[in-house]
Amino acid sequence: EDYLEVNNKNIDISGLDFLINKLKDNTDLNNLACEKIVQLFFQEIRNKLLRGNIVDIRGFGRFHITMPKFKNKRHRIFFKTKKSLIKKLNAK
């Protein structure tokens, strides 16, 4: 199953295979357990954002959501990468 259902909406998680595989390769967990962990991780980030919280993952980045000024506009989710992560990625 490549979709995570949250509030009756399907979120495509097929692009997260690399996280699932990395988790599986570094633990004794099976593929299904790794998929569930990754799904729950991103579901919890989404839930916190929808409650108006900022999600800051140390050394990785910060997610935050902006509330629309008008009711017919959509929420926008932003992600800002930590400078230390950018430096590590550019060094490779």
PDB file of N, CA and C in Angstrom:
ATOM      1  N   GLU A   1       0.855  -1.182   0.000  1.00  0.00           N
ATOM      2  CA  GLU A   1       0.000   0.000   0.000  1.00  0.00           C
ATOM      3  C   GLU A   1       0.893   1.235   0.000  1.00  0.00           C
ATOM      4  N   ASP A   2       0.726   2.087  -0.990  1.00  0.00           N
ATOM      5  CA  ASP A   2       1.570   3.265  -1.135  1.00  0.00           C
ATOM      6  C   ASP A   2       0.880   4.543  -0.683  1.00  0.00           C
ATOM      7  N   TYR A   3      -0.185   4.411   0.081  1.00  0.00           N
ATOM      8  CA  TYR A   3      -0.905   5.596   0.512  1.00  0.00           C
ATOM      9  C   TYR A   3      -1.154   5.557   2.008  1.00  0.00           C
ATOM     10  N   LEU A   4      -1.088   6.714   2.614  1.00  0.00           N
ATOM     11  CA  LEU A   4      -1.390   6.884   4.025  1.00  0.00           C
ATOM     12  C   LEU A   4      -2.701   7.642   4.094  1.00  0.00           C
ATOM     13  N   GLU A   5      -3.687   7.089   4.767  1.00  0.00           N
ATOM     14  CA  GLU A   5      -4.970   7.762   4.843  1.00  0.00           C
ATOM     15  C   GLU A   5      -5.024   8.605   6.105  1.00  0.00           C
ATOM     16  N   VAL A   6      -5.233   9.904   5.923  1.00  0.00           N
ATOM     17  CA  VAL A   6      -5.359  10.834   7.029  1.00  0.00           C
ATOM     18  C   VAL A   6      -6.570  11.706   6.737  1.00  0.00           C
ATOM     19  N   ASN A   7      -7.515  11.717   7.661  1.00  0.00           N
ATOM     20  CA  ASN A   7      -8.727  12.512   7.498  1.00  0.00           C
ATOM     21  C   ASN A   7      -9.386  12.262   6.145  1.00  0.00           C
ATOM     22  N   ASN A   8      -9.520  10.988   5.789  1.00  0.00           N
ATOM     23  CA  ASN A   8     -10.152  10.558   4.543  1.00  0.00           C
ATOM     24  C   ASN A   8      -9.446  11.055   3.292  1.00  0.00           C
ATOM     25  N   LYS A   9      -8.187  11.434   3.407  1.00  0.00           N
ATOM     26  CA  LYS A   9      -7.400  11.829   2.244  1.00  0.00           C
ATOM     27  C   LYS A   9      -6.201  10.902   2.150  1.00  0.00           C
ATOM     28  N   ASN A  10      -5.875  10.485   0.934  1.00  0.00           N
ATOM     29  CA  ASN A  10      -4.720   9.620   0.724  1.00  0.00           C
ATOM     30  C   ASN A  10      -3.492  10.465   0.442  1.00  0.00           C
ATOM     31  N   ILE A  11      -2.431  10.187   1.151  1.00  0.00           N
ATOM     32  CA  ILE A  11      -1.164  10.864   0.956  1.00  0.00           C
ATOM     33  C   ILE A  11      -0.203   9.849   0.346  1.00  0.00           C
ATOM     34  N   ASP A  12       0.372  10.186  -0.795  1.00  0.00           N
ATOM     35  CA  ASP A  12       1.291   9.296  -1.487  1.00  0.00           C
ATOM     36  C   ASP A  12       2.595   9.175  -0.696  1.00  0.00           C
ATOM     37  N   ILE A  13       2.949   7.959  -0.316  1.00  0.00           N
ATOM     38  CA  ILE A  13       4.199   7.741   0.422  1.00  0.00           C
ATOM     39  C   ILE A  13       5.193   6.934  -0.398  1.00  0.00           C
ATOM     40  N   SER A  14       4.897   6.719  -1.682  1.00  0.00           N
ATOM     41  CA  SER A  14       5.777   5.875  -2.497  1.00  0.00           C
ATOM     42  C   SER A  14       7.170   6.467  -2.613  1.00  0.00           C
ATOM     43  N   GLY A  15       7.300   7.777  -2.513  1.00  0.00           N
ATOM     44  CA  GLY A  15       8.607   8.412  -2.583  1.00  0.00           C
ATOM     45  C   GLY A  15       9.431   8.226  -1.324  1.00  0.00           C
ATOM     46  N   LEU A  16       8.861   7.608  -0.317  1.00  0.00           N
ATOM     47  CA  LEU A  16       9.569   7.425   0.954  1.00  0.00           C
ATOM     48  C   LEU A  16      10.195   6.046   1.076  1.00  0.00           C
ATOM     49  N   ASP A  17      10.273   5.328  -0.030  1.00  0.00           N
ATOM     50  CA  ASP A  17      10.853   3.986  -0.004  1.00  0.00           C
ATOM     51  C   ASP A  17      12.275   3.989   0.537  1.00  0.00           C
ATOM     52  N   PHE A  18      13.024   5.037   0.232  1.00  0.00           N
ATOM     53  CA  PHE A  18      14.408   5.079   0.717  1.00  0.00           C
ATOM     54  C   PHE A  18      14.461   5.113   2.233  1.00  0.00           C
ATOM     55  N   LEU A  19      13.513   5.809   2.882  1.00  0.00           N
ATOM     56  CA  LEU A  19      13.482   5.825   4.354  1.00  0.00           C
ATOM     57  C   LEU A  19      13.090   4.465   4.914  1.00  0.00           C
ATOM     58  N   ILE A  20      12.104   3.854   4.277  1.00  0.00           N
ATOM     59  CA  ILE A  20      11.643   2.542   4.720  1.00  0.00           C
ATOM     60  C   ILE A  20      12.775   1.522   4.588  1.00  0.00           C
ATOM     61  N   ASN A  21      13.467   1.544   3.457  1.00  0.00           N
ATOM     62  CA  ASN A  21      14.569   0.601   3.240  1.00  0.00           C
ATOM     63  C   ASN A  21      15.729   0.860   4.196  1.00  0.00           C
ATOM     64  N   LYS A  22      16.032   2.119   4.447  1.00  0.00           N
ATOM     65  CA  LYS A  22      17.122   2.455   5.365  1.00  0.00           C
ATOM     66  C   LYS A  22      16.793   1.959   6.776  1.00  0.00           C
ATOM     67  N   LEU A  23      15.552   2.149   7.191  1.00  0.00           N
ATOM     68  CA  LEU A  23      15.116   1.683   8.505  1.00  0.00           C
ATOM     69  C   LEU A  23      15.196   0.160   8.587  1.00  0.00           C
ATOM     70  N   LYS A  24      14.745  -0.497   7.531  1.00  0.00           N
ATOM     71  CA  LYS A  24      14.770  -1.963   7.499  1.00  0.00           C
ATOM     72  C   LYS A  24      16.208  -2.490   7.532  1.00  0.00           C
ATOM     73  N   ASP A  25      17.111  -1.830   6.793  1.00  0.00           N
ATOM     74  CA  ASP A  25      18.505  -2.275   6.735  1.00  0.00           C
ATOM     75  C   ASP A  25      19.255  -2.080   8.050  1.00  0.00           C
ATOM     76  N   ASN A  26      18.797  -1.152   8.866  1.00  0.00           N
ATOM     77  CA  ASN A  26      19.513  -0.833  10.101  1.00  0.00           C
ATOM     78  C   ASN A  26      18.816  -1.327  11.361  1.00  0.00           C
ATOM     79  N   THR A  27      17.763  -2.108  11.199  1.00  0.00           N
ATOM     80  CA  THR A  27      17.057  -2.678  12.347  1.00  0.00           C
ATOM     81  C   THR A  27      16.711  -4.136  12.052  1.00  0.00           C
ATOM     82  N   ASP A  28      16.123  -4.778  13.020  1.00  0.00           N
ATOM     83  CA  ASP A  28      15.652  -6.151  12.825  1.00  0.00           C
ATOM     84  C   ASP A  28      14.166  -6.186  12.483  1.00  0.00           C
ATOM     85  N   LEU A  29      13.606  -5.033  12.094  1.00  0.00           N
ATOM     86  CA  LEU A  29      12.185  -4.950  11.785  1.00  0.00           C
ATOM     87  C   LEU A  29      11.900  -5.426  10.370  1.00  0.00           C
ATOM     88  N   ASN A  30      10.688  -5.970  10.161  1.00  0.00           N
ATOM     89  CA  ASN A  30      10.314  -6.380   8.809  1.00  0.00           C
ATOM     90  C   ASN A  30       9.809  -5.170   8.014  1.00  0.00           C
ATOM     91  N   ASN A  31       9.581  -5.370   6.736  1.00  0.00           N
ATOM     92  CA  ASN A  31       9.197  -4.293   5.838  1.00  0.00           C
ATOM     93  C   ASN A  31       7.887  -3.624   6.264  1.00  0.00           C
ATOM     94  N   LEU A  32       6.904  -4.411   6.659  1.00  0.00           N
ATOM     95  CA  LEU A  32       5.607  -3.860   7.058  1.00  0.00           C
ATOM     96  C   LEU A  32       5.740  -2.974   8.294  1.00  0.00           C
ATOM     97  N   ALA A  33       6.523  -3.398   9.263  1.00  0.00           N
ATOM     98  CA  ALA A  33       6.731  -2.593  10.467  1.00  0.00           C
ATOM     99  C   ALA A  33       7.438  -1.284  10.125  1.00  0.00           C
ATOM    100  N   CYS A  34       8.418  -1.342   9.235  1.00  0.00           N
ATOM    101  CA  CYS A  34       9.135  -0.130   8.825  1.00  0.00           C
ATOM    102  C   CYS A  34       8.214   0.842   8.099  1.00  0.00           C
ATOM    103  N   GLU A  35       7.347   0.318   7.237  1.00  0.00           N
ATOM    104  CA  GLU A  35       6.369   1.163   6.537  1.00  0.00           C
ATOM    105  C   GLU A  35       5.464   1.872   7.540  1.00  0.00           C
ATOM    106  N   LYS A  36       4.977   1.128   8.523  1.00  0.00           N
ATOM    107  CA  LYS A  36       4.080   1.710   9.529  1.00  0.00           C
ATOM    108  C   LYS A  36       4.776   2.807  10.327  1.00  0.00           C
ATOM    109  N   ILE A  37       6.042   2.598  10.678  1.00  0.00           N
ATOM    110  CA  ILE A  37       6.793   3.597  11.439  1.00  0.00           C
ATOM    111  C   ILE A  37       6.928   4.881  10.641  1.00  0.00           C
ATOM    112  N   VAL A  38       7.303   4.757   9.372  1.00  0.00           N
ATOM    113  CA  VAL A  38       7.456   5.936   8.519  1.00  0.00           C
ATOM    114  C   VAL A  38       6.107   6.631   8.333  1.00  0.00           C
ATOM    115  N   GLN A  39       5.047   5.864   8.120  1.00  0.00           N
ATOM    116  CA  GLN A  39       3.709   6.441   7.976  1.00  0.00           C
ATOM    117  C   GLN A  39       3.306   7.202   9.228  1.00  0.00           C
ATOM    118  N   LEU A  40       3.490   6.594  10.381  1.00  0.00           N
ATOM    119  CA  LEU A  40       3.111   7.235  11.644  1.00  0.00           C
ATOM    120  C   LEU A  40       3.935   8.493  11.903  1.00  0.00           C
ATOM    121  N   PHE A  41       5.209   8.455  11.537  1.00  0.00           N
ATOM    122  CA  PHE A  41       6.081   9.608  11.700  1.00  0.00           C
ATOM    123  C   PHE A  41       5.537  10.811  10.928  1.00  0.00           C
ATOM    124  N   PHE A  42       5.249  10.611   9.650  1.00  0.00           N
ATOM    125  CA  PHE A  42       4.761  11.723   8.842  1.00  0.00           C
ATOM    126  C   PHE A  42       3.321  12.106   9.182  1.00  0.00           C
ATOM    127  N   GLN A  43       2.532  11.144   9.614  1.00  0.00           N
ATOM    128  CA  GLN A  43       1.167  11.443  10.048  1.00  0.00           C
ATOM    129  C   GLN A  43       1.202  12.343  11.285  1.00  0.00           C
ATOM    130  N   GLU A  44       2.104  12.068  12.197  1.00  0.00           N
ATOM    131  CA  GLU A  44       2.211  12.874  13.417  1.00  0.00           C
ATOM    132  C   GLU A  44       2.707  14.283  13.098  1.00  0.00           C
ATOM    133  N   ILE A  45       3.648  14.407  12.159  1.00  0.00           N
ATOM    134  CA  ILE A  45       4.082  15.744  11.731  1.00  0.00           C
ATOM    135  C   ILE A  45       2.895  16.513  11.169  1.00  0.00           C
ATOM    136  N   ARG A  46       2.128  15.865  10.304  1.00  0.00           N
ATOM    137  CA  ARG A  46       0.958  16.508   9.697  1.00  0.00           C
ATOM    138  C   ARG A  46      -0.056  16.928  10.764  1.00  0.00           C
ATOM    139  N   ASN A  47      -0.334  16.042  11.703  1.00  0.00           N
ATOM    140  CA  ASN A  47      -1.308  16.354  12.756  1.00  0.00           C
ATOM    141  C   ASN A  47      -0.866  17.550  13.598  1.00  0.00           C
ATOM    142  N   LYS A  48       0.410  17.601  13.942  1.00  0.00           N
ATOM    143  CA  LYS A  48       0.918  18.726  14.732  1.00  0.00           C
ATOM    144  C   LYS A  48       0.829  20.026  13.946  1.00  0.00           C
ATOM    145  N   LEU A  49       1.139  19.967  12.653  1.00  0.00           N
ATOM    146  CA  LEU A  49       1.038  21.166  11.818  1.00  0.00           C
ATOM    147  C   LEU A  49      -0.398  21.666  11.726  1.00  0.00           C
ATOM    148  N   LEU A  50      -1.331  20.747  11.584  1.00  0.00           N
ATOM    149  CA  LEU A  50      -2.741  21.141  11.481  1.00  0.00           C
ATOM    150  C   LEU A  50      -3.273  21.730  12.790  1.00  0.00           C
ATOM    151  N   ARG A  51      -2.618  21.408  13.909  1.00  0.00           N
ATOM    152  CA  ARG A  51      -3.002  22.006  15.194  1.00  0.00           C
ATOM    153  C   ARG A  51      -2.308  23.347  15.417  1.00  0.00           C
ATOM    154  N   GLY A  52      -1.497  23.773  14.414  1.00  0.00           N
ATOM    155  CA  GLY A  52      -0.848  25.076  14.499  1.00  0.00           C
ATOM    156  C   GLY A  52       0.537  25.050  15.115  1.00  0.00           C
ATOM    157  N   ASN A  53       1.074  23.865  15.376  1.00  0.00           N
ATOM    158  CA  ASN A  53       2.404  23.748  15.970  1.00  0.00           C
ATOM    159  C   ASN A  53       3.498  23.828  14.913  1.00  0.00           C
ATOM    160  N   ILE A  54       4.683  24.195  15.323  1.00  0.00           N
ATOM    161  CA  ILE A  54       5.877  24.131  14.487  1.00  0.00           C
ATOM    162  C   ILE A  54       6.581  22.831  14.831  1.00  0.00           C
ATOM    163  N   VAL A  55       7.035  22.104  13.818  1.00  0.00           N
ATOM    164  CA  VAL A  55       7.739  20.849  14.037  1.00  0.00           C
ATOM    165  C   VAL A  55       9.201  21.082  13.674  1.00  0.00           C
ATOM    166  N   ASP A  56      10.059  21.035  14.677  1.00  0.00           N
ATOM    167  CA  ASP A  56      11.487  21.276  14.490  1.00  0.00           C
ATOM    168  C   ASP A  56      12.223  19.974  14.769  1.00  0.00           C
ATOM    169  N   ILE A  57      12.879  19.434  13.737  1.00  0.00           N
ATOM    170  CA  ILE A  57      13.651  18.201  13.891  1.00  0.00           C
ATOM    171  C   ILE A  57      15.119  18.605  13.918  1.00  0.00           C
ATOM    172  N   ARG A  58      15.718  18.480  15.083  1.00  0.00           N
ATOM    173  CA  ARG A  58      17.085  18.944  15.305  1.00  0.00           C
ATOM    174  C   ARG A  58      18.053  18.350  14.275  1.00  0.00           C
ATOM    175  N   GLY A  59      18.809  19.220  13.637  1.00  0.00           N
ATOM    176  CA  GLY A  59      19.791  18.799  12.658  1.00  0.00           C
ATOM    177  C   GLY A  59      19.226  18.513  11.281  1.00  0.00           C
ATOM    178  N   PHE A  60      17.911  18.601  11.129  1.00  0.00           N
ATOM    179  CA  PHE A  60      17.276  18.294   9.847  1.00  0.00           C
ATOM    180  C   PHE A  60      16.557  19.505   9.276  1.00  0.00           C
ATOM    181  N   GLY A  61      15.588  20.017  10.022  1.00  0.00           N
ATOM    182  CA  GLY A  61      14.856  21.171   9.527  1.00  0.00           C
ATOM    183  C   GLY A  61      13.603  21.454  10.320  1.00  0.00           C
ATOM    184  N   ARG A  62      12.865  22.451   9.853  1.00  0.00           N
ATOM    185  CA  ARG A  62      11.672  22.909  10.549  1.00  0.00           C
ATOM    186  C   ARG A  62      10.494  22.972   9.576  1.00  0.00           C
ATOM    187  N   PHE A  63       9.378  22.384   9.995  1.00  0.00           N
ATOM    188  CA  PHE A  63       8.137  22.459   9.243  1.00  0.00           C
ATOM    189  C   PHE A  63       7.224  23.454   9.943  1.00  0.00           C
ATOM    190  N   HIS A  64       6.547  24.286   9.168  1.00  0.00           N
ATOM    191  CA  HIS A  64       5.503  25.122   9.743  1.00  0.00           C
ATOM    192  C   HIS A  64       4.438  25.365   8.688  1.00  0.00           C
ATOM    193  N   ILE A  65       3.278  25.752   9.140  1.00  0.00           N
ATOM    194  CA  ILE A  65       2.144  25.934   8.252  1.00  0.00           C
ATOM    195  C   ILE A  65       1.658  27.373   8.371  1.00  0.00           C
ATOM    196  N   THR A  66       1.225  27.932   7.268  1.00  0.00           N
ATOM    197  CA  THR A  66       0.646  29.272   7.314  1.00  0.00           C
ATOM    198  C   THR A  66      -0.860  29.154   7.144  1.00  0.00           C
ATOM    199  N   MET A  67      -1.554  29.898   7.920  1.00  0.00           N
ATOM    200  CA  MET A  67      -3.006  29.913   7.816  1.00  0.00           C
ATOM    201  C   MET A  67      -3.410  30.932   6.743  1.00  0.00           C
ATOM    202  N   PRO A  68      -4.342  30.570   5.898  1.00  0.00           N
ATOM    203  CA  PRO A  68      -4.750  31.489   4.841  1.00  0.00           C
ATOM    204  C   PRO A  68      -5.508  32.694   5.396  1.00  0.00           C
ATOM    205  N   LYS A  69      -5.355  33.843   4.716  1.00  0.00           N
ATOM    206  CA  LYS A  69      -6.069  35.045   5.131  1.00  0.00           C
ATOM    207  C   LYS A  69      -7.539  34.968   4.740  1.00  0.00           C
ATOM    208  N   PHE A  70      -7.813  34.230   3.676  1.00  0.00           N
ATOM    209  CA  PHE A  70      -9.179  34.093   3.195  1.00  0.00           C
ATOM    210  C   PHE A  70      -9.610  32.639   3.295  1.00  0.00           C
ATOM    211  N   LYS A  71     -10.887  32.402   3.563  1.00  0.00           N
ATOM    212  CA  LYS A  71     -11.378  31.047   3.798  1.00  0.00           C
ATOM    213  C   LYS A  71     -11.243  30.131   2.586  1.00  0.00           C
ATOM    214  N   ASN A  72     -11.259  30.677   1.377  1.00  0.00           N
ATOM    215  CA  ASN A  72     -11.217  29.825   0.193  1.00  0.00           C
ATOM    216  C   ASN A  72      -9.788  29.456  -0.219  1.00  0.00           C
ATOM    217  N   LYS A  73      -8.807  29.871   0.529  1.00  0.00           N
ATOM    218  CA  LYS A  73      -7.401  29.546   0.226  1.00  0.00           C
ATOM    219  C   LYS A  73      -6.980  28.307   1.014  1.00  0.00           C
ATOM    220  N   ARG A  74      -5.947  27.638   0.523  1.00  0.00           N
ATOM    221  CA  ARG A  74      -5.427  26.431   1.182  1.00  0.00           C
ATOM    222  C   ARG A  74      -4.317  26.783   2.167  1.00  0.00           C
ATOM    223  N   HIS A  75      -4.121  25.905   3.147  1.00  0.00           N
ATOM    224  CA  HIS A  75      -2.969  26.038   4.046  1.00  0.00           C
ATOM    225  C   HIS A  75      -1.717  25.763   3.228  1.00  0.00           C
ATOM    226  N   ARG A  76      -0.635  26.419   3.577  1.00  0.00           N
ATOM    227  CA  ARG A  76       0.643  26.161   2.916  1.00  0.00           C
ATOM    228  C   ARG A  76       1.623  25.649   3.951  1.00  0.00           C
ATOM    229  N   ILE A  77       2.264  24.536   3.634  1.00  0.00           N
ATOM    230  CA  ILE A  77       3.260  23.957   4.529  1.00  0.00           C
ATOM    231  C   ILE A  77       4.641  24.330   4.007  1.00  0.00           C
ATOM    232  N   PHE A  78       5.476  24.814   4.910  1.00  0.00           N
ATOM    233  CA  PHE A  78       6.834  25.215   4.557  1.00  0.00           C
ATOM    234  C   PHE A  78       7.834  24.340   5.294  1.00  0.00           C
ATOM    235  N   PHE A  79       8.976  24.124   4.657  1.00  0.00           N
ATOM    236  CA  PHE A  79      10.061  23.381   5.278  1.00  0.00           C
ATOM    237  C   PHE A  79      11.344  24.173   5.064  1.00  0.00           C
ATOM    238  N   LYS A  80      12.071  24.395   6.141  1.00  0.00           N
ATOM    239  CA  LYS A  80      13.346  25.083   6.062  1.00  0.00           C
ATOM    240  C   LYS A  80      14.428  24.124   6.540  1.00  0.00           C
ATOM    241  N   THR A  81      15.386  23.870   5.657  1.00  0.00           N
ATOM    242  CA  THR A  81      16.476  22.945   5.959  1.00  0.00           C
ATOM    243  C   THR A  81      17.490  23.621   6.874  1.00  0.00           C
ATOM    244  N   LYS A  82      18.020  22.857   7.809  1.00  0.00           N
ATOM    245  CA  LYS A  82      19.063  23.366   8.695  1.00  0.00           C
ATOM    246  C   LYS A  82      20.334  23.615   7.891  1.00  0.00           C
ATOM    247  N   LYS A  83      21.055  24.675   8.229  1.00  0.00           N
ATOM    248  CA  LYS A  83      22.289  25.021   7.518  1.00  0.00           C
ATOM    249  C   LYS A  83      23.330  23.915   7.624  1.00  0.00           C
ATOM    250  N   SER A  84      23.381  23.248   8.769  1.00  0.00           N
ATOM    251  CA  SER A  84      24.367  22.176   8.950  1.00  0.00           C
ATOM    252  C   SER A  84      24.103  21.015   7.991  1.00  0.00           C
ATOM    253  N   LEU A  85      22.835  20.734   7.728  1.00  0.00           N
ATOM    254  CA  LEU A  85      22.482  19.661   6.795  1.00  0.00           C
ATOM    255  C   LEU A  85      22.860  20.056   5.365  1.00  0.00           C
ATOM    256  N   ILE A  86      22.621  21.299   5.006  1.00  0.00           N
ATOM    257  CA  ILE A  86      22.983  21.785   3.669  1.00  0.00           C
ATOM    258  C   ILE A  86      24.486  21.666   3.455  1.00  0.00           C
ATOM    259  N   LYS A  87      25.273  22.042   4.470  1.00  0.00           N
ATOM    260  CA  LYS A  87      26.730  21.958   4.367  1.00  0.00           C
ATOM    261  C   LYS A  87      27.178  20.512   4.174  1.00  0.00           C
ATOM    262  N   LYS A  88      26.570  19.583   4.920  1.00  0.00           N
ATOM    263  CA  LYS A  88      26.934  18.166   4.801  1.00  0.00           C
ATOM    264  C   LYS A  88      26.591  17.635   3.413  1.00  0.00           C
ATOM    265  N   LEU A  89      25.425  18.012   2.894  1.00  0.00           N
ATOM    266  CA  LEU A  89      25.012  17.540   1.579  1.00  0.00           C
ATOM    267  C   LEU A  89      25.886  18.124   0.477  1.00  0.00           C
ATOM    268  N   ASN A  90      26.257  19.387   0.595  1.00  0.00           N
ATOM    269  CA  ASN A  90      27.101  20.021  -0.420  1.00  0.00           C
ATOM    270  C   ASN A  90      28.539  19.522  -0.373  1.00  0.00           C
ATOM    271  N   ALA A  91      28.969  19.004   0.760  1.00  0.00           N
ATOM    272  CA  ALA A  91      30.338  18.505   0.900  1.00  0.00           C
ATOM    273  C   ALA A  91      30.533  17.172   0.184  1.00  0.00           C
ATOM    274  N   LYS A  92      29.447  16.459  -0.071  1.00  0.00           N
ATOM    275  CA  LYS A  92      29.558  15.126  -0.705  1.00  0.00           C
ATOM    276  C   LYS A  92      29.618  15.218  -2.192  1.00  0.00           C
TER     277      LYS A  92
END
